[in-house]
Amino acid sequence: MKVPLELSFRDVPHSEEIKQMVREKAAKLDEFCDHLNSCRVAVEKTQKHQDTGNPYRVRLDMTIAPGHEIAVRRETLRR
């Protein structure tokens, strides 16, 4: 990656384990795609009224040469 990984936490306690896991996954992405320019990861707490399941959402924004952008969001599905 040309730009260092940007990692942010929103309403979530910072955890060194989570930071390390995100760094490892980003390094794998960088190995897989040699055109990866930047990667931004946001770990967020979902809406407060959710009482079961995984209360977190992860957003991933990547910039890939030449000027393409990919955005991915992973959150809990409600049943």
PDB file of N, CA and C in Angstrom:
ATOM      1  N   MET A   1       0.833  -1.172   0.000  1.00  0.00           N
ATOM      2  CA  MET A   1       0.000   0.000   0.000  1.00  0.00           C
ATOM      3  C   MET A   1       0.879   1.237   0.000  1.00  0.00           C
ATOM      4  N   LYS A   2       0.444   2.199  -0.754  1.00  0.00           N
ATOM      5  CA  LYS A   2       1.195   3.450  -0.791  1.00  0.00           C
ATOM      6  C   LYS A   2       0.884   4.318   0.419  1.00  0.00           C
ATOM      7  N   VAL A   3      -0.364   4.270   0.891  1.00  0.00           N
ATOM      8  CA  VAL A   3      -0.790   5.034   2.062  1.00  0.00           C
ATOM      9  C   VAL A   3      -0.959   4.059   3.220  1.00  0.00           C
ATOM     10  N   PRO A   4      -0.462   4.383   4.410  1.00  0.00           N
ATOM     11  CA  PRO A   4      -0.606   3.460   5.542  1.00  0.00           C
ATOM     12  C   PRO A   4      -2.077   3.194   5.881  1.00  0.00           C
ATOM     13  N   LEU A   5      -2.331   2.039   6.453  1.00  0.00           N
ATOM     14  CA  LEU A   5      -3.661   1.640   6.873  1.00  0.00           C
ATOM     15  C   LEU A   5      -4.232   2.663   7.853  1.00  0.00           C
ATOM     16  N   GLU A   6      -5.499   3.040   7.645  1.00  0.00           N
ATOM     17  CA  GLU A   6      -6.201   3.930   8.573  1.00  0.00           C
ATOM     18  C   GLU A   6      -7.254   3.097   9.288  1.00  0.00           C
ATOM     19  N   LEU A   7      -7.194   3.067  10.613  1.00  0.00           N
ATOM     20  CA  LEU A   7      -8.112   2.277  11.423  1.00  0.00           C
ATOM     21  C   LEU A   7      -8.788   3.186  12.425  1.00  0.00           C
ATOM     22  N   SER A   8     -10.121   3.140  12.468  1.00  0.00           N
ATOM     23  CA  SER A   8     -10.843   3.967  13.426  1.00  0.00           C
ATOM     24  C   SER A   8     -11.883   3.133  14.162  1.00  0.00           C
ATOM     25  N   PHE A   9     -12.128   3.522  15.413  1.00  0.00           N
ATOM     26  CA  PHE A   9     -13.134   2.883  16.254  1.00  0.00           C
ATOM     27  C   PHE A   9     -14.170   3.941  16.608  1.00  0.00           C
ATOM     28  N   ARG A  10     -15.449   3.607  16.464  1.00  0.00           N
ATOM     29  CA  ARG A  10     -16.521   4.538  16.804  1.00  0.00           C
ATOM     30  C   ARG A  10     -17.449   3.871  17.807  1.00  0.00           C
ATOM     31  N   ASP A  11     -17.472   4.398  19.014  1.00  0.00           N
ATOM     32  CA  ASP A  11     -18.292   3.871  20.110  1.00  0.00           C
ATOM     33  C   ASP A  11     -17.925   2.435  20.460  1.00  0.00           C
ATOM     34  N   VAL A  12     -16.668   2.087  20.221  1.00  0.00           N
ATOM     35  CA  VAL A  12     -16.165   0.743  20.517  1.00  0.00           C
ATOM     36  C   VAL A  12     -14.861   0.902  21.286  1.00  0.00           C
ATOM     37  N   PRO A  13     -14.675   0.148  22.376  1.00  0.00           N
ATOM     38  CA  PRO A  13     -13.396   0.235  23.085  1.00  0.00           C
ATOM     39  C   PRO A  13     -12.242  -0.254  22.194  1.00  0.00           C
ATOM     40  N   HIS A  14     -11.131   0.437  22.238  1.00  0.00           N
ATOM     41  CA  HIS A  14      -9.960   0.055  21.451  1.00  0.00           C
ATOM     42  C   HIS A  14      -9.375  -1.229  22.030  1.00  0.00           C
ATOM     43  N   SER A  15      -9.020  -2.134  21.160  1.00  0.00           N
ATOM     44  CA  SER A  15      -8.453  -3.406  21.573  1.00  0.00           C
ATOM     45  C   SER A  15      -7.216  -3.684  20.719  1.00  0.00           C
ATOM     46  N   GLU A  16      -6.134  -4.012  21.346  1.00  0.00           N
ATOM     47  CA  GLU A  16      -4.894  -4.315  20.624  1.00  0.00           C
ATOM     48  C   GLU A  16      -5.063  -5.563  19.772  1.00  0.00           C
ATOM     49  N   GLU A  17      -5.868  -6.528  20.240  1.00  0.00           N
ATOM     50  CA  GLU A  17      -6.114  -7.747  19.466  1.00  0.00           C
ATOM     51  C   GLU A  17      -6.855  -7.436  18.166  1.00  0.00           C
ATOM     52  N   ILE A  18      -7.851  -6.567  18.252  1.00  0.00           N
ATOM     53  CA  ILE A  18      -8.601  -6.196  17.048  1.00  0.00           C
ATOM     54  C   ILE A  18      -7.702  -5.431  16.083  1.00  0.00           C
ATOM     55  N   LYS A  19      -6.913  -4.509  16.611  1.00  0.00           N
ATOM     56  CA  LYS A  19      -5.995  -3.746  15.762  1.00  0.00           C
ATOM     57  C   LYS A  19      -5.037  -4.676  15.024  1.00  0.00           C
ATOM     58  N   GLN A  20      -4.491  -5.654  15.732  1.00  0.00           N
ATOM     59  CA  GLN A  20      -3.550  -6.591  15.120  1.00  0.00           C
ATOM     60  C   GLN A  20      -4.230  -7.444  14.056  1.00  0.00           C
ATOM     61  N   MET A  21      -5.453  -7.910  14.327  1.00  0.00           N
ATOM     62  CA  MET A  21      -6.181  -8.725  13.361  1.00  0.00           C
ATOM     63  C   MET A  21      -6.469  -7.923  12.092  1.00  0.00           C
ATOM     64  N   VAL A  22      -6.870  -6.657  12.229  1.00  0.00           N
ATOM     65  CA  VAL A  22      -7.149  -5.813  11.068  1.00  0.00           C
ATOM     66  C   VAL A  22      -5.869  -5.584  10.268  1.00  0.00           C
ATOM     67  N   ARG A  23      -4.749  -5.354  10.950  1.00  0.00           N
ATOM     68  CA  ARG A  23      -3.468  -5.162  10.254  1.00  0.00           C
ATOM     69  C   ARG A  23      -3.079  -6.403   9.447  1.00  0.00           C
ATOM     70  N   GLU A  24      -3.273  -7.588  10.040  1.00  0.00           N
ATOM     71  CA  GLU A  24      -2.950  -8.837   9.345  1.00  0.00           C
ATOM     72  C   GLU A  24      -3.833  -9.032   8.110  1.00  0.00           C
ATOM     73  N   LYS A  25      -5.128  -8.766   8.247  1.00  0.00           N
ATOM     74  CA  LYS A  25      -6.043  -8.922   7.109  1.00  0.00           C
ATOM     75  C   LYS A  25      -5.714  -7.914   6.005  1.00  0.00           C
ATOM     76  N   ALA A  26      -5.366  -6.687   6.375  1.00  0.00           N
ATOM     77  CA  ALA A  26      -4.994  -5.672   5.387  1.00  0.00           C
ATOM     78  C   ALA A  26      -3.702  -6.065   4.675  1.00  0.00           C
ATOM     79  N   ALA A  27      -2.771  -6.672   5.396  1.00  0.00           N
ATOM     80  CA  ALA A  27      -1.521  -7.125   4.778  1.00  0.00           C
ATOM     81  C   ALA A  27      -1.809  -8.221   3.745  1.00  0.00           C
ATOM     82  N   LYS A  28      -2.769  -9.100   4.042  1.00  0.00           N
ATOM     83  CA  LYS A  28      -3.144 -10.136   3.075  1.00  0.00           C
ATOM     84  C   LYS A  28      -3.767  -9.517   1.832  1.00  0.00           C
ATOM     85  N   LEU A  29      -4.609  -8.496   2.019  1.00  0.00           N
ATOM     86  CA  LEU A  29      -5.187  -7.791   0.871  1.00  0.00           C
ATOM     87  C   LEU A  29      -4.099  -7.163   0.018  1.00  0.00           C
ATOM     88  N   ASP A  30      -3.112  -6.587   0.671  1.00  0.00           N
ATOM     89  CA  ASP A  30      -2.010  -5.934  -0.038  1.00  0.00           C
ATOM     90  C   ASP A  30      -1.197  -6.952  -0.844  1.00  0.00           C
ATOM     91  N   GLU A  31      -1.037  -8.161  -0.304  1.00  0.00           N
ATOM     92  CA  GLU A  31      -0.340  -9.214  -1.041  1.00  0.00           C
ATOM     93  C   GLU A  31      -1.160  -9.684  -2.237  1.00  0.00           C
ATOM     94  N   PHE A  32      -2.472  -9.765  -2.058  1.00  0.00           N
ATOM     95  CA  PHE A  32      -3.364 -10.255  -3.102  1.00  0.00           C
ATOM     96  C   PHE A  32      -3.491  -9.259  -4.253  1.00  0.00           C
ATOM     97  N   CYS A  33      -3.553  -7.978  -3.935  1.00  0.00           N
ATOM     98  CA  CYS A  33      -3.759  -6.938  -4.943  1.00  0.00           C
ATOM     99  C   CYS A  33      -2.594  -5.954  -4.896  1.00  0.00           C
ATOM    100  N   ASP A  34      -1.716  -6.016  -5.882  1.00  0.00           N
ATOM    101  CA  ASP A  34      -0.539  -5.145  -5.867  1.00  0.00           C
ATOM    102  C   ASP A  34      -0.860  -3.717  -6.306  1.00  0.00           C
ATOM    103  N   HIS A  35      -2.122  -3.437  -6.670  1.00  0.00           N
ATOM    104  CA  HIS A  35      -2.532  -2.091  -7.066  1.00  0.00           C
ATOM    105  C   HIS A  35      -3.262  -1.356  -5.950  1.00  0.00           C
ATOM    106  N   LEU A  36      -3.245  -1.898  -4.737  1.00  0.00           N
ATOM    107  CA  LEU A  36      -3.941  -1.295  -3.608  1.00  0.00           C
ATOM    108  C   LEU A  36      -3.188  -0.057  -3.142  1.00  0.00           C
ATOM    109  N   ASN A  37      -3.848   1.098  -3.232  1.00  0.00           N
ATOM    110  CA  ASN A  37      -3.203   2.350  -2.835  1.00  0.00           C
ATOM    111  C   ASN A  37      -3.457   2.691  -1.377  1.00  0.00           C
ATOM    112  N   SER A  38      -4.705   2.540  -0.927  1.00  0.00           N
ATOM    113  CA  SER A  38      -5.029   2.876   0.457  1.00  0.00           C
ATOM    114  C   SER A  38      -6.147   1.983   0.962  1.00  0.00           C
ATOM    115  N   CYS A  39      -6.234   1.878   2.286  1.00  0.00           N
ATOM    116  CA  CYS A  39      -7.250   1.057   2.924  1.00  0.00           C
ATOM    117  C   CYS A  39      -7.657   1.734   4.229  1.00  0.00           C
ATOM    118  N   ARG A  40      -8.969   1.993   4.371  1.00  0.00           N
ATOM    119  CA  ARG A  40      -9.501   2.582   5.592  1.00  0.00           C
ATOM    120  C   ARG A  40     -10.503   1.608   6.191  1.00  0.00           C
ATOM    121  N   VAL A  41     -10.356   1.331   7.489  1.00  0.00           N
ATOM    122  CA  VAL A  41     -11.238   0.395   8.182  1.00  0.00           C
ATOM    123  C   VAL A  41     -11.874   1.117   9.363  1.00  0.00           C
ATOM    124  N   ALA A  42     -13.192   0.988   9.497  1.00  0.00           N
ATOM    125  CA  ALA A  42     -13.913   1.571  10.625  1.00  0.00           C
ATOM    126  C   ALA A  42     -14.680   0.463  11.340  1.00  0.00           C
ATOM    127  N   VAL A  43     -14.456   0.337  12.636  1.00  0.00           N
ATOM    128  CA  VAL A  43     -15.185  -0.606  13.472  1.00  0.00           C
ATOM    129  C   VAL A  43     -16.157   0.233  14.292  1.00  0.00           C
ATOM    130  N   GLU A  44     -17.457  -0.061  14.161  1.00  0.00           N
ATOM    131  CA  GLU A  44     -18.474   0.767  14.790  1.00  0.00           C
ATOM    132  C   GLU A  44     -19.448  -0.082  15.580  1.00  0.00           C
ATOM    133  N   LYS A  45     -20.054   0.520  16.581  1.00  0.00           N
ATOM    134  CA  LYS A  45     -21.127  -0.135  17.311  1.00  0.00           C
ATOM    135  C   LYS A  45     -22.419   0.130  16.553  1.00  0.00           C
ATOM    136  N   THR A  46     -23.247  -0.906  16.396  1.00  0.00           N
ATOM    137  CA  THR A  46     -24.519  -0.732  15.699  1.00  0.00           C
ATOM    138  C   THR A  46     -25.504  -0.002  16.597  1.00  0.00           C
ATOM    139  N   GLN A  47     -26.692   0.191  16.110  1.00  0.00           N
ATOM    140  CA  GLN A  47     -27.701   0.925  16.861  1.00  0.00           C
ATOM    141  C   GLN A  47     -27.941   0.302  18.223  1.00  0.00           C
ATOM    142  N   LYS A  48     -28.223   1.137  19.190  1.00  0.00           N
ATOM    143  CA  LYS A  48     -28.311   0.693  20.581  1.00  0.00           C
ATOM    144  C   LYS A  48     -29.488  -0.233  20.875  1.00  0.00           C
ATOM    145  N   HIS A  49     -30.536  -0.233  20.046  1.00  0.00           N
ATOM    146  CA  HIS A  49     -31.694  -1.067  20.356  1.00  0.00           C
ATOM    147  C   HIS A  49     -31.486  -2.538  20.016  1.00  0.00           C
ATOM    148  N   GLN A  50     -30.390  -2.878  19.386  1.00  0.00           N
ATOM    149  CA  GLN A  50     -30.111  -4.287  19.090  1.00  0.00           C
ATOM    150  C   GLN A  50     -29.624  -4.963  20.365  1.00  0.00           C
ATOM    151  N   ASP A  51     -30.290  -6.040  20.783  1.00  0.00           N
ATOM    152  CA  ASP A  51     -29.929  -6.669  22.048  1.00  0.00           C
ATOM    153  C   ASP A  51     -29.348  -8.070  21.894  1.00  0.00           C
ATOM    154  N   THR A  52     -29.346  -8.632  20.693  1.00  0.00           N
ATOM    155  CA  THR A  52     -28.760  -9.951  20.487  1.00  0.00           C
ATOM    156  C   THR A  52     -27.829  -9.931  19.297  1.00  0.00           C
ATOM    157  N   GLY A  53     -26.981 -10.933  19.200  1.00  0.00           N
ATOM    158  CA  GLY A  53     -26.077 -11.042  18.061  1.00  0.00           C
ATOM    159  C   GLY A  53     -24.850 -10.163  18.218  1.00  0.00           C
ATOM    160  N   ASN A  54     -24.178  -9.959  17.117  1.00  0.00           N
ATOM    161  CA  ASN A  54     -22.953  -9.173  17.105  1.00  0.00           C
ATOM    162  C   ASN A  54     -23.305  -7.691  16.984  1.00  0.00           C
ATOM    163  N   PRO A  55     -23.004  -6.884  17.991  1.00  0.00           N
ATOM    164  CA  PRO A  55     -23.411  -5.479  17.970  1.00  0.00           C
ATOM    165  C   PRO A  55     -22.441  -4.570  17.205  1.00  0.00           C
ATOM    166  N   TYR A  56     -21.585  -5.122  16.347  1.00  0.00           N
ATOM    167  CA  TYR A  56     -20.583  -4.317  15.670  1.00  0.00           C
ATOM    168  C   TYR A  56     -20.761  -4.354  14.154  1.00  0.00           C
ATOM    169  N   ARG A  57     -20.284  -3.304  13.514  1.00  0.00           N
ATOM    170  CA  ARG A  57     -20.293  -3.193  12.060  1.00  0.00           C
ATOM    171  C   ARG A  57     -18.871  -2.828  11.639  1.00  0.00           C
ATOM    172  N   VAL A  58     -18.422  -3.393  10.537  1.00  0.00           N
ATOM    173  CA  VAL A  58     -17.088  -3.095  10.012  1.00  0.00           C
ATOM    174  C   VAL A  58     -17.257  -2.543   8.598  1.00  0.00           C
ATOM    175  N   ARG A  59     -16.641  -1.381   8.352  1.00  0.00           N
ATOM    176  CA  ARG A  59     -16.661  -0.778   7.019  1.00  0.00           C
ATOM    177  C   ARG A  59     -15.241  -0.732   6.487  1.00  0.00           C
ATOM    178  N   LEU A  60     -15.106  -1.045   5.221  1.00  0.00           N
ATOM    179  CA  LEU A  60     -13.806  -1.101   4.564  1.00  0.00           C
ATOM    180  C   LEU A  60     -13.883  -0.275   3.286  1.00  0.00           C
ATOM    181  N   ASP A  61     -13.014   0.717   3.163  1.00  0.00           N
ATOM    182  CA  ASP A  61     -12.934   1.549   1.967  1.00  0.00           C
ATOM    183  C   ASP A  61     -11.526   1.422   1.411  1.00  0.00           C
ATOM    184  N   MET A  62     -11.433   1.006   0.147  1.00  0.00           N
ATOM    185  CA  MET A  62     -10.119   0.822  -0.477  1.00  0.00           C
ATOM    186  C   MET A  62     -10.045   1.636  -1.757  1.00  0.00           C
ATOM    187  N   THR A  63      -8.858   2.145  -2.045  1.00  0.00           N
ATOM    188  CA  THR A  63      -8.595   2.816  -3.306  1.00  0.00           C
ATOM    189  C   THR A  63      -7.607   1.958  -4.077  1.00  0.00           C
ATOM    190  N   ILE A  64      -7.978   1.656  -5.333  1.00  0.00           N
ATOM    191  CA  ILE A  64      -7.160   0.782  -6.163  1.00  0.00           C
ATOM    192  C   ILE A  64      -6.796   1.531  -7.442  1.00  0.00           C
ATOM    193  N   ALA A  65      -5.540   1.461  -7.827  1.00  0.00           N
ATOM    194  CA  ALA A  65      -5.083   2.148  -9.039  1.00  0.00           C
ATOM    195  C   ALA A  65      -5.756   1.540 -10.243  1.00  0.00           C
ATOM    196  N   PRO A  66      -6.097   2.270 -11.227  1.00  0.00           N
ATOM    197  CA  PRO A  66      -5.964   3.716 -11.399  1.00  0.00           C
ATOM    198  C   PRO A  66      -7.251   4.455 -11.023  1.00  0.00           C
ATOM    199  N   GLY A  67      -7.387   4.859  -9.790  1.00  0.00           N
ATOM    200  CA  GLY A  67      -8.491   5.710  -9.356  1.00  0.00           C
ATOM    201  C   GLY A  67      -9.818   5.024  -9.089  1.00  0.00           C
ATOM    202  N   HIS A  68      -9.822   3.734  -8.821  1.00  0.00           N
ATOM    203  CA  HIS A  68     -11.060   3.019  -8.504  1.00  0.00           C
ATOM    204  C   HIS A  68     -11.215   2.925  -6.998  1.00  0.00           C
ATOM    205  N   GLU A  69     -12.466   2.887  -6.552  1.00  0.00           N
ATOM    206  CA  GLU A  69     -12.728   2.790  -5.129  1.00  0.00           C
ATOM    207  C   GLU A  69     -13.675   1.632  -4.857  1.00  0.00           C
ATOM    208  N   ILE A  70     -13.422   0.893  -3.770  1.00  0.00           N
ATOM    209  CA  ILE A  70     -14.262  -0.224  -3.354  1.00  0.00           C
ATOM    210  C   ILE A  70     -14.674   0.038  -1.912  1.00  0.00           C
ATOM    211  N   ALA A  71     -15.967  -0.114  -1.628  1.00  0.00           N
ATOM    212  CA  ALA A  71     -16.470   0.051  -0.266  1.00  0.00           C
ATOM    213  C   ALA A  71     -17.255  -1.198   0.106  1.00  0.00           C
ATOM    214  N   VAL A  72     -16.971  -1.719   1.296  1.00  0.00           N
ATOM    215  CA  VAL A  72     -17.625  -2.931   1.783  1.00  0.00           C
ATOM    216  C   VAL A  72     -18.098  -2.670   3.199  1.00  0.00           C
ATOM    217  N   ARG A  73     -19.304  -3.156   3.517  1.00  0.00           N
ATOM    218  CA  ARG A  73     -19.822  -3.004   4.877  1.00  0.00           C
ATOM    219  C   ARG A  73     -20.320  -4.365   5.331  1.00  0.00           C
ATOM    220  N   ARG A  74     -19.943  -4.746   6.524  1.00  0.00           N
ATOM    221  CA  ARG A  74     -20.381  -6.036   7.088  1.00  0.00           C
ATOM    222  C   ARG A  74     -21.051  -5.758   8.410  1.00  0.00           C
ATOM    223  N   GLU A  75     -22.313  -6.186   8.519  1.00  0.00           N
ATOM    224  CA  GLU A  75     -23.022  -6.002   9.768  1.00  0.00           C
ATOM    225  C   GLU A  75     -23.952  -7.182  10.007  1.00  0.00           C
ATOM    226  N   THR A  76     -24.499  -7.264  11.191  1.00  0.00           N
ATOM    227  CA  THR A  76     -25.350  -8.361  11.573  1.00  0.00           C
ATOM    228  C   THR A  76     -26.668  -8.303  10.813  1.00  0.00           C
ATOM    229  N   LEU A  77     -27.110  -9.442  10.339  1.00  0.00           N
ATOM    230  CA  LEU A  77     -28.420  -9.536   9.697  1.00  0.00           C
ATOM    231  C   LEU A  77     -29.479  -9.782  10.744  1.00  0.00           C
ATOM    232  N   ARG A  78     -30.585  -9.104  10.618  1.00  0.00           N
ATOM    233  CA  ARG A  78     -31.686  -9.302  11.576  1.00  0.00           C
ATOM    234  C   ARG A  78     -32.639 -10.358  11.022  1.00  0.00           C
ATOM    235  N   ARG A  79     -33.184 -11.157  11.913  1.00  0.00           N
ATOM    236  CA  ARG A  79     -34.125 -12.210  11.501  1.00  0.00           C
ATOM    237  C   ARG A  79     -35.509 -11.906  11.964  1.00  0.00           C
TER     238      ARG A  79
END
